[in-house]
Amino acid sequence: MSRRELSEQEVGILKLIQVHYGSHNNEDGVMFSDRDDAVIWVKDEKGSMPLLANLTNLASWRTDGTIPTEEELLRVWLRVEIT
């Protein structure tokens, strides 16, 4: 399957994942679904995979306001504990 470039918004979501889960979550780990969605199995520092993130959907929902804030994106969708 061919790879496409990530959109600017998808890269932004990936960067948030890297900040909170580690830089080892990089573009090399991104896969593309049959619908051309960019997805990544997010791994924590211990190597556990706490979630699968669909970068395409998250970027779209953040852009159109479905996910209204970065805090909601982090807390609800990426399961980051915000203190």
PDB file of N, CA and C in Angstrom:
ATOM      1  N   MET A   1       0.850  -1.173   0.000  1.00  0.00           N
ATOM      2  CA  MET A   1       0.000   0.000   0.000  1.00  0.00           C
ATOM      3  C   MET A   1       0.898   1.239   0.000  1.00  0.00           C
ATOM      4  N   SER A   2       0.548   2.184  -0.819  1.00  0.00           N
ATOM      5  CA  SER A   2       1.368   3.393  -0.915  1.00  0.00           C
ATOM      6  C   SER A   2       1.115   4.305   0.286  1.00  0.00           C
ATOM      7  N   ARG A   3       2.124   5.091   0.600  1.00  0.00           N
ATOM      8  CA  ARG A   3       2.030   6.042   1.701  1.00  0.00           C
ATOM      9  C   ARG A   3       1.834   7.428   1.122  1.00  0.00           C
ATOM     10  N   ARG A   4       1.075   8.228   1.815  1.00  0.00           N
ATOM     11  CA  ARG A   4       0.906   9.626   1.442  1.00  0.00           C
ATOM     12  C   ARG A   4       1.543  10.474   2.528  1.00  0.00           C
ATOM     13  N   GLU A   5       1.725  11.724   2.241  1.00  0.00           N
ATOM     14  CA  GLU A   5       2.221  12.663   3.236  1.00  0.00           C
ATOM     15  C   GLU A   5       1.097  12.946   4.233  1.00  0.00           C
ATOM     16  N   LEU A   6       1.454  13.097   5.498  1.00  0.00           N
ATOM     17  CA  LEU A   6       0.468  13.486   6.493  1.00  0.00           C
ATOM     18  C   LEU A   6       0.108  14.953   6.286  1.00  0.00           C
ATOM     19  N   SER A   7      -1.151  15.280   6.540  1.00  0.00           N
ATOM     20  CA  SER A   7      -1.568  16.680   6.459  1.00  0.00           C
ATOM     21  C   SER A   7      -0.954  17.436   7.630  1.00  0.00           C
ATOM     22  N   GLU A   8      -0.963  18.736   7.535  1.00  0.00           N
ATOM     23  CA  GLU A   8      -0.445  19.579   8.611  1.00  0.00           C
ATOM     24  C   GLU A   8      -1.190  19.305   9.922  1.00  0.00           C
ATOM     25  N   GLN A   9      -2.503  19.101   9.828  1.00  0.00           N
ATOM     26  CA  GLN A   9      -3.318  18.833  11.012  1.00  0.00           C
ATOM     27  C   GLN A   9      -2.995  17.459  11.599  1.00  0.00           C
ATOM     28  N   GLU A  10      -2.796  16.464  10.746  1.00  0.00           N
ATOM     29  CA  GLU A  10      -2.426  15.131  11.229  1.00  0.00           C
ATOM     30  C   GLU A  10      -1.064  15.165  11.920  1.00  0.00           C
ATOM     31  N   VAL A  11      -0.130  15.909  11.359  1.00  0.00           N
ATOM     32  CA  VAL A  11       1.190  16.072  11.976  1.00  0.00           C
ATOM     33  C   VAL A  11       1.040  16.731  13.347  1.00  0.00           C
ATOM     34  N   GLY A  12       0.148  17.700  13.457  1.00  0.00           N
ATOM     35  CA  GLY A  12      -0.088  18.364  14.736  1.00  0.00           C
ATOM     36  C   GLY A  12      -0.580  17.392  15.805  1.00  0.00           C
ATOM     37  N   ILE A  13      -1.482  16.497  15.436  1.00  0.00           N
ATOM     38  CA  ILE A  13      -1.975  15.488  16.377  1.00  0.00           C
ATOM     39  C   ILE A  13      -0.834  14.547  16.754  1.00  0.00           C
ATOM     40  N   LEU A  14      -0.048  14.130  15.778  1.00  0.00           N
ATOM     41  CA  LEU A  14       1.088  13.247  16.046  1.00  0.00           C
ATOM     42  C   LEU A  14       2.080  13.906  17.000  1.00  0.00           C
ATOM     43  N   LYS A  15       2.313  15.195  16.837  1.00  0.00           N
ATOM     44  CA  LYS A  15       3.236  15.909  17.734  1.00  0.00           C
ATOM     45  C   LYS A  15       2.703  15.931  19.167  1.00  0.00           C
ATOM     46  N   LEU A  16       1.405  16.103  19.336  1.00  0.00           N
ATOM     47  CA  LEU A  16       0.826  16.033  20.673  1.00  0.00           C
ATOM     48  C   LEU A  16       1.029  14.650  21.288  1.00  0.00           C
ATOM     49  N   ILE A  17       0.857  13.624  20.477  1.00  0.00           N
ATOM     50  CA  ILE A  17       1.078  12.253  20.946  1.00  0.00           C
ATOM     51  C   ILE A  17       2.532  12.087  21.372  1.00  0.00           C
ATOM     52  N   GLN A  18       3.454  12.628  20.602  1.00  0.00           N
ATOM     53  CA  GLN A  18       4.874  12.520  20.945  1.00  0.00           C
ATOM     54  C   GLN A  18       5.187  13.226  22.250  1.00  0.00           C
ATOM     55  N   VAL A  19       4.609  14.391  22.472  1.00  0.00           N
ATOM     56  CA  VAL A  19       4.850  15.144  23.703  1.00  0.00           C
ATOM     57  C   VAL A  19       4.395  14.340  24.920  1.00  0.00           C
ATOM     58  N   HIS A  20       3.247  13.685  24.810  1.00  0.00           N
ATOM     59  CA  HIS A  20       2.651  13.033  25.972  1.00  0.00           C
ATOM     60  C   HIS A  20       2.961  11.545  26.091  1.00  0.00           C
ATOM     61  N   TYR A  21       3.330  10.896  24.994  1.00  0.00           N
ATOM     62  CA  TYR A  21       3.604   9.461  25.035  1.00  0.00           C
ATOM     63  C   TYR A  21       5.029   9.098  24.624  1.00  0.00           C
ATOM     64  N   GLY A  22       5.767  10.040  24.042  1.00  0.00           N
ATOM     65  CA  GLY A  22       7.148   9.779  23.672  1.00  0.00           C
ATOM     66  C   GLY A  22       7.401   9.938  22.185  1.00  0.00           C
ATOM     67  N   SER A  23       8.644  10.365  21.889  1.00  0.00           N
ATOM     68  CA  SER A  23       9.017  10.636  20.495  1.00  0.00           C
ATOM     69  C   SER A  23       9.131   9.370  19.651  1.00  0.00           C
ATOM     70  N   HIS A  24       9.125   8.209  20.298  1.00  0.00           N
ATOM     71  CA  HIS A  24       9.161   6.953  19.543  1.00  0.00           C
ATOM     72  C   HIS A  24       7.867   6.756  18.735  1.00  0.00           C
ATOM     73  N   ASN A  25       6.827   7.501  19.050  1.00  0.00           N
ATOM     74  CA  ASN A  25       5.591   7.498  18.254  1.00  0.00           C
ATOM     75  C   ASN A  25       5.799   8.489  17.107  1.00  0.00           C
ATOM     76  N   ASN A  26       6.326   7.990  16.005  1.00  0.00           N
ATOM     77  CA  ASN A  26       6.684   8.888  14.908  1.00  0.00           C
ATOM     78  C   ASN A  26       6.028   8.425  13.605  1.00  0.00           C
ATOM     79  N   GLU A  27       6.328   9.137  12.544  1.00  0.00           N
ATOM     80  CA  GLU A  27       5.687   8.841  11.257  1.00  0.00           C
ATOM     81  C   GLU A  27       5.970   7.427  10.760  1.00  0.00           C
ATOM     82  N   ASP A  28       7.080   6.843  11.195  1.00  0.00           N
ATOM     83  CA  ASP A  28       7.379   5.461  10.787  1.00  0.00           C
ATOM     84  C   ASP A  28       6.320   4.487  11.291  1.00  0.00           C
ATOM     85  N   GLY A  29       5.660   4.834  12.403  1.00  0.00           N
ATOM     86  CA  GLY A  29       4.636   3.970  12.974  1.00  0.00           C
ATOM     87  C   GLY A  29       3.242   4.211  12.428  1.00  0.00           C
ATOM     88  N   VAL A  30       3.095   5.190  11.576  1.00  0.00           N
ATOM     89  CA  VAL A  30       1.784   5.508  11.004  1.00  0.00           C
ATOM     90  C   VAL A  30       1.472   4.534   9.879  1.00  0.00           C
ATOM     91  N   MET A  31       0.257   3.993   9.926  1.00  0.00           N
ATOM     92  CA  MET A  31      -0.245   3.108   8.874  1.00  0.00           C
ATOM     93  C   MET A  31      -1.436   3.797   8.215  1.00  0.00           C
ATOM     94  N   PHE A  32      -1.782   3.330   7.041  1.00  0.00           N
ATOM     95  CA  PHE A  32      -2.916   3.901   6.324  1.00  0.00           C
ATOM     96  C   PHE A  32      -3.969   2.834   6.085  1.00  0.00           C
ATOM     97  N   SER A  33      -5.196   3.171   6.451  1.00  0.00           N
ATOM     98  CA  SER A  33      -6.305   2.239   6.294  1.00  0.00           C
ATOM     99  C   SER A  33      -6.714   2.165   4.821  1.00  0.00           C
ATOM    100  N   ASP A  34      -7.630   1.264   4.541  1.00  0.00           N
ATOM    101  CA  ASP A  34      -8.157   1.145   3.177  1.00  0.00           C
ATOM    102  C   ASP A  34      -8.847   2.427   2.728  1.00  0.00           C
ATOM    103  N   ARG A  35      -9.317   3.230   3.679  1.00  0.00           N
ATOM    104  CA  ARG A  35      -9.956   4.520   3.368  1.00  0.00           C
ATOM    105  C   ARG A  35      -8.958   5.652   3.340  1.00  0.00           C
ATOM    106  N   ASP A  36      -7.656   5.329   3.465  1.00  0.00           N
ATOM    107  CA  ASP A  36      -6.562   6.301   3.450  1.00  0.00           C
ATOM    108  C   ASP A  36      -6.488   7.135   4.724  1.00  0.00           C
ATOM    109  N   ASP A  37      -7.085   6.635   5.825  1.00  0.00           N
ATOM    110  CA  ASP A  37      -6.947   7.296   7.115  1.00  0.00           C
ATOM    111  C   ASP A  37      -5.573   6.965   7.695  1.00  0.00           C
ATOM    112  N   ALA A  38      -4.922   7.959   8.277  1.00  0.00           N
ATOM    113  CA  ALA A  38      -3.639   7.761   8.946  1.00  0.00           C
ATOM    114  C   ALA A  38      -3.913   7.346  10.389  1.00  0.00           C
ATOM    115  N   VAL A  39      -3.407   6.174  10.785  1.00  0.00           N
ATOM    116  CA  VAL A  39      -3.622   5.661  12.132  1.00  0.00           C
ATOM    117  C   VAL A  39      -2.289   5.235  12.744  1.00  0.00           C
ATOM    118  N   ILE A  40      -2.226   5.286  14.072  1.00  0.00           N
ATOM    119  CA  ILE A  40      -1.011   4.866  14.769  1.00  0.00           C
ATOM    120  C   ILE A  40      -1.401   4.166  16.070  1.00  0.00           C
ATOM    121  N   TRP A  41      -0.723   3.055  16.339  1.00  0.00           N
ATOM    122  CA  TRP A  41      -0.824   2.432  17.654  1.00  0.00           C
ATOM    123  C   TRP A  41       0.090   3.228  18.561  1.00  0.00           C
ATOM    124  N   VAL A  42      -0.471   3.936  19.502  1.00  0.00           N
ATOM    125  CA  VAL A  42       0.299   4.776  20.405  1.00  0.00           C
ATOM    126  C   VAL A  42       0.916   3.895  21.489  1.00  0.00           C
ATOM    127  N   LYS A  43       2.221   4.043  21.680  1.00  0.00           N
ATOM    128  CA  LYS A  43       2.927   3.277  22.708  1.00  0.00           C
ATOM    129  C   LYS A  43       3.434   4.229  23.779  1.00  0.00           C
ATOM    130  N   ASP A  44       3.308   3.785  25.029  1.00  0.00           N
ATOM    131  CA  ASP A  44       3.867   4.590  26.109  1.00  0.00           C
ATOM    132  C   ASP A  44       5.351   4.258  26.264  1.00  0.00           C
ATOM    133  N   GLU A  45       5.991   4.864  27.247  1.00  0.00           N
ATOM    134  CA  GLU A  45       7.439   4.676  27.447  1.00  0.00           C
ATOM    135  C   GLU A  45       7.805   3.234  27.783  1.00  0.00           C
ATOM    136  N   LYS A  46       6.850   2.462  28.329  1.00  0.00           N
ATOM    137  CA  LYS A  46       7.107   1.072  28.695  1.00  0.00           C
ATOM    138  C   LYS A  46       6.843   0.109  27.531  1.00  0.00           C
ATOM    139  N   GLY A  47       6.355   0.644  26.424  1.00  0.00           N
ATOM    140  CA  GLY A  47       6.060  -0.179  25.262  1.00  0.00           C
ATOM    141  C   GLY A  47       4.638  -0.694  25.199  1.00  0.00           C
ATOM    142  N   SER A  48       3.830  -0.372  26.219  1.00  0.00           N
ATOM    143  CA  SER A  48       2.422  -0.755  26.185  1.00  0.00           C
ATOM    144  C   SER A  48       1.708   0.086  25.136  1.00  0.00           C
ATOM    145  N   MET A  49       0.660  -0.474  24.557  1.00  0.00           N
ATOM    146  CA  MET A  49      -0.116   0.248  23.558  1.00  0.00           C
ATOM    147  C   MET A  49      -1.476   0.609  24.143  1.00  0.00           C
ATOM    148  N   PRO A  50      -1.568   1.783  24.760  1.00  0.00           N
ATOM    149  CA  PRO A  50      -2.820   2.153  25.411  1.00  0.00           C
ATOM    150  C   PRO A  50      -3.949   2.533  24.457  1.00  0.00           C
ATOM    151  N   LEU A  51      -3.635   2.885  23.210  1.00  0.00           N
ATOM    152  CA  LEU A  51      -4.720   3.262  22.303  1.00  0.00           C
ATOM    153  C   LEU A  51      -4.276   3.272  20.844  1.00  0.00           C
ATOM    154  N   LEU A  52      -5.272   3.207  19.992  1.00  0.00           N
ATOM    155  CA  LEU A  52      -5.098   3.375  18.554  1.00  0.00           C
ATOM    156  C   LEU A  52      -5.668   4.740  18.217  1.00  0.00           C
ATOM    157  N   ALA A  53      -4.863   5.601  17.630  1.00  0.00           N
ATOM    158  CA  ALA A  53      -5.311   6.949  17.297  1.00  0.00           C
ATOM    159  C   ALA A  53      -5.471   7.087  15.786  1.00  0.00           C
ATOM    160  N   ASN A  54      -6.650   7.486  15.367  1.00  0.00           N
ATOM    161  CA  ASN A  54      -6.899   7.779  13.966  1.00  0.00           C
ATOM    162  C   ASN A  54      -6.582   9.260  13.772  1.00  0.00           C
ATOM    163  N   LEU A  55      -5.390   9.535  13.276  1.00  0.00           N
ATOM    164  CA  LEU A  55      -4.929  10.915  13.112  1.00  0.00           C
ATOM    165  C   LEU A  55      -5.829  11.702  12.178  1.00  0.00           C
ATOM    166  N   THR A  56      -6.319  11.048  11.141  1.00  0.00           N
ATOM    167  CA  THR A  56      -7.168  11.714  10.158  1.00  0.00           C
ATOM    168  C   THR A  56      -8.463  12.199  10.797  1.00  0.00           C
ATOM    169  N   ASN A  57      -9.139  11.314  11.533  1.00  0.00           N
ATOM    170  CA  ASN A  57     -10.392  11.707  12.187  1.00  0.00           C
ATOM    171  C   ASN A  57     -10.157  12.765  13.250  1.00  0.00           C
ATOM    172  N   LEU A  58      -9.158  12.560  14.097  1.00  0.00           N
ATOM    173  CA  LEU A  58      -8.902  13.526  15.166  1.00  0.00           C
ATOM    174  C   LEU A  58      -8.574  14.900  14.595  1.00  0.00           C
ATOM    175  N   ALA A  59      -7.780  14.942  13.537  1.00  0.00           N
ATOM    176  CA  ALA A  59      -7.439  16.220  12.908  1.00  0.00           C
ATOM    177  C   ALA A  59      -8.688  16.891  12.327  1.00  0.00           C
ATOM    178  N   SER A  60      -9.519  16.106  11.678  1.00  0.00           N
ATOM    179  CA  SER A  60     -10.746  16.650  11.092  1.00  0.00           C
ATOM    180  C   SER A  60     -11.690  17.172  12.168  1.00  0.00           C
ATOM    181  N   TRP A  61     -11.873  16.410  13.225  1.00  0.00           N
ATOM    182  CA  TRP A  61     -12.789  16.817  14.292  1.00  0.00           C
ATOM    183  C   TRP A  61     -12.266  18.028  15.045  1.00  0.00           C
ATOM    184  N   ARG A  62     -10.964  18.126  15.179  1.00  0.00           N
ATOM    185  CA  ARG A  62     -10.376  19.301  15.852  1.00  0.00           C
ATOM    186  C   ARG A  62     -10.563  20.539  14.973  1.00  0.00           C
ATOM    187  N   THR A  63     -10.381  20.373  13.666  1.00  0.00           N
ATOM    188  CA  THR A  63     -10.519  21.483  12.718  1.00  0.00           C
ATOM    189  C   THR A  63     -11.956  21.975  12.613  1.00  0.00           C
ATOM    190  N   ASP A  64     -12.925  21.038  12.574  1.00  0.00           N
ATOM    191  CA  ASP A  64     -14.321  21.462  12.391  1.00  0.00           C
ATOM    192  C   ASP A  64     -15.039  21.806  13.695  1.00  0.00           C
ATOM    193  N   GLY A  65     -14.334  21.672  14.826  1.00  0.00           N
ATOM    194  CA  GLY A  65     -14.919  22.050  16.105  1.00  0.00           C
ATOM    195  C   GLY A  65     -15.638  20.937  16.835  1.00  0.00           C
ATOM    196  N   THR A  66     -15.709  19.752  16.257  1.00  0.00           N
ATOM    197  CA  THR A  66     -16.322  18.617  16.955  1.00  0.00           C
ATOM    198  C   THR A  66     -15.591  18.360  18.269  1.00  0.00           C
ATOM    199  N   ILE A  67     -14.269  18.466  18.234  1.00  0.00           N
ATOM    200  CA  ILE A  67     -13.449  18.467  19.450  1.00  0.00           C
ATOM    201  C   ILE A  67     -13.052  19.924  19.646  1.00  0.00           C
ATOM    202  N   PRO A  68     -13.715  20.627  20.562  1.00  0.00           N
ATOM    203  CA  PRO A  68     -13.562  22.082  20.619  1.00  0.00           C
ATOM    204  C   PRO A  68     -12.248  22.598  21.201  1.00  0.00           C
ATOM    205  N   THR A  69     -11.592  21.809  22.049  1.00  0.00           N
ATOM    206  CA  THR A  69     -10.384  22.311  22.689  1.00  0.00           C
ATOM    207  C   THR A  69      -9.279  21.260  22.663  1.00  0.00           C
ATOM    208  N   GLU A  70      -8.050  21.741  22.764  1.00  0.00           N
ATOM    209  CA  GLU A  70      -6.918  20.816  22.857  1.00  0.00           C
ATOM    210  C   GLU A  70      -7.010  20.007  24.142  1.00  0.00           C
ATOM    211  N   GLU A  71      -7.508  20.630  25.205  1.00  0.00           N
ATOM    212  CA  GLU A  71      -7.663  19.909  26.471  1.00  0.00           C
ATOM    213  C   GLU A  71      -8.588  18.701  26.302  1.00  0.00           C
ATOM    214  N   GLU A  72      -9.717  18.881  25.615  1.00  0.00           N
ATOM    215  CA  GLU A  72     -10.629  17.750  25.386  1.00  0.00           C
ATOM    216  C   GLU A  72      -9.957  16.695  24.519  1.00  0.00           C
ATOM    217  N   LEU A  73      -9.256  17.129  23.496  1.00  0.00           N
ATOM    218  CA  LEU A  73      -8.537  16.189  22.642  1.00  0.00           C
ATOM    219  C   LEU A  73      -7.604  15.327  23.483  1.00  0.00           C
ATOM    220  N   LEU A  74      -6.823  15.973  24.341  1.00  0.00           N
ATOM    221  CA  LEU A  74      -5.868  15.244  25.170  1.00  0.00           C
ATOM    222  C   LEU A  74      -6.560  14.353  26.193  1.00  0.00           C
ATOM    223  N   ARG A  75      -7.499  14.918  26.925  1.00  0.00           N
ATOM    224  CA  ARG A  75      -8.123  14.199  28.036  1.00  0.00           C
ATOM    225  C   ARG A  75      -9.040  13.075  27.565  1.00  0.00           C
ATOM    226  N   VAL A  76      -9.928  13.369  26.623  1.00  0.00           N
ATOM    227  CA  VAL A  76     -10.952  12.413  26.217  1.00  0.00           C
ATOM    228  C   VAL A  76     -10.464  11.474  25.113  1.00  0.00           C
ATOM    229  N   TRP A  77      -9.858  12.034  24.090  1.00  0.00           N
ATOM    230  CA  TRP A  77      -9.547  11.245  22.900  1.00  0.00           C
ATOM    231  C   TRP A  77      -8.173  10.591  22.949  1.00  0.00           C
ATOM    232  N   LEU A  78      -7.211  11.219  23.612  1.00  0.00           N
ATOM    233  CA  LEU A  78      -5.861  10.641  23.690  1.00  0.00           C
ATOM    234  C   LEU A  78      -5.555  10.111  25.093  1.00  0.00           C
ATOM    235  N   ARG A  79      -6.506  10.194  25.996  1.00  0.00           N
ATOM    236  CA  ARG A  79      -6.387   9.638  27.345  1.00  0.00           C
ATOM    237  C   ARG A  79      -5.174  10.128  28.115  1.00  0.00           C
ATOM    238  N   VAL A  80      -4.874  11.397  27.968  1.00  0.00           N
ATOM    239  CA  VAL A  80      -3.766  12.007  28.694  1.00  0.00           C
ATOM    240  C   VAL A  80      -4.314  12.565  29.993  1.00  0.00           C
ATOM    241  N   GLU A  81      -3.674  12.224  31.103  1.00  0.00           N
ATOM    242  CA  GLU A  81      -4.090  12.775  32.394  1.00  0.00           C
ATOM    243  C   GLU A  81      -3.555  14.179  32.536  1.00  0.00           C
ATOM    244  N   ILE A  82      -4.465  15.126  32.621  1.00  0.00           N
ATOM    245  CA  ILE A  82      -4.081  16.528  32.734  1.00  0.00           C
ATOM    246  C   ILE A  82      -4.197  16.924  34.205  1.00  0.00           C
ATOM    247  N   THR A  83      -3.106  17.420  34.737  1.00  0.00           N
ATOM    248  CA  THR A  83      -3.117  17.801  36.160  1.00  0.00           C
ATOM    249  C   THR A  83      -3.098  19.298  36.323  1.00  0.00           C
TER     250      THR A  83
END
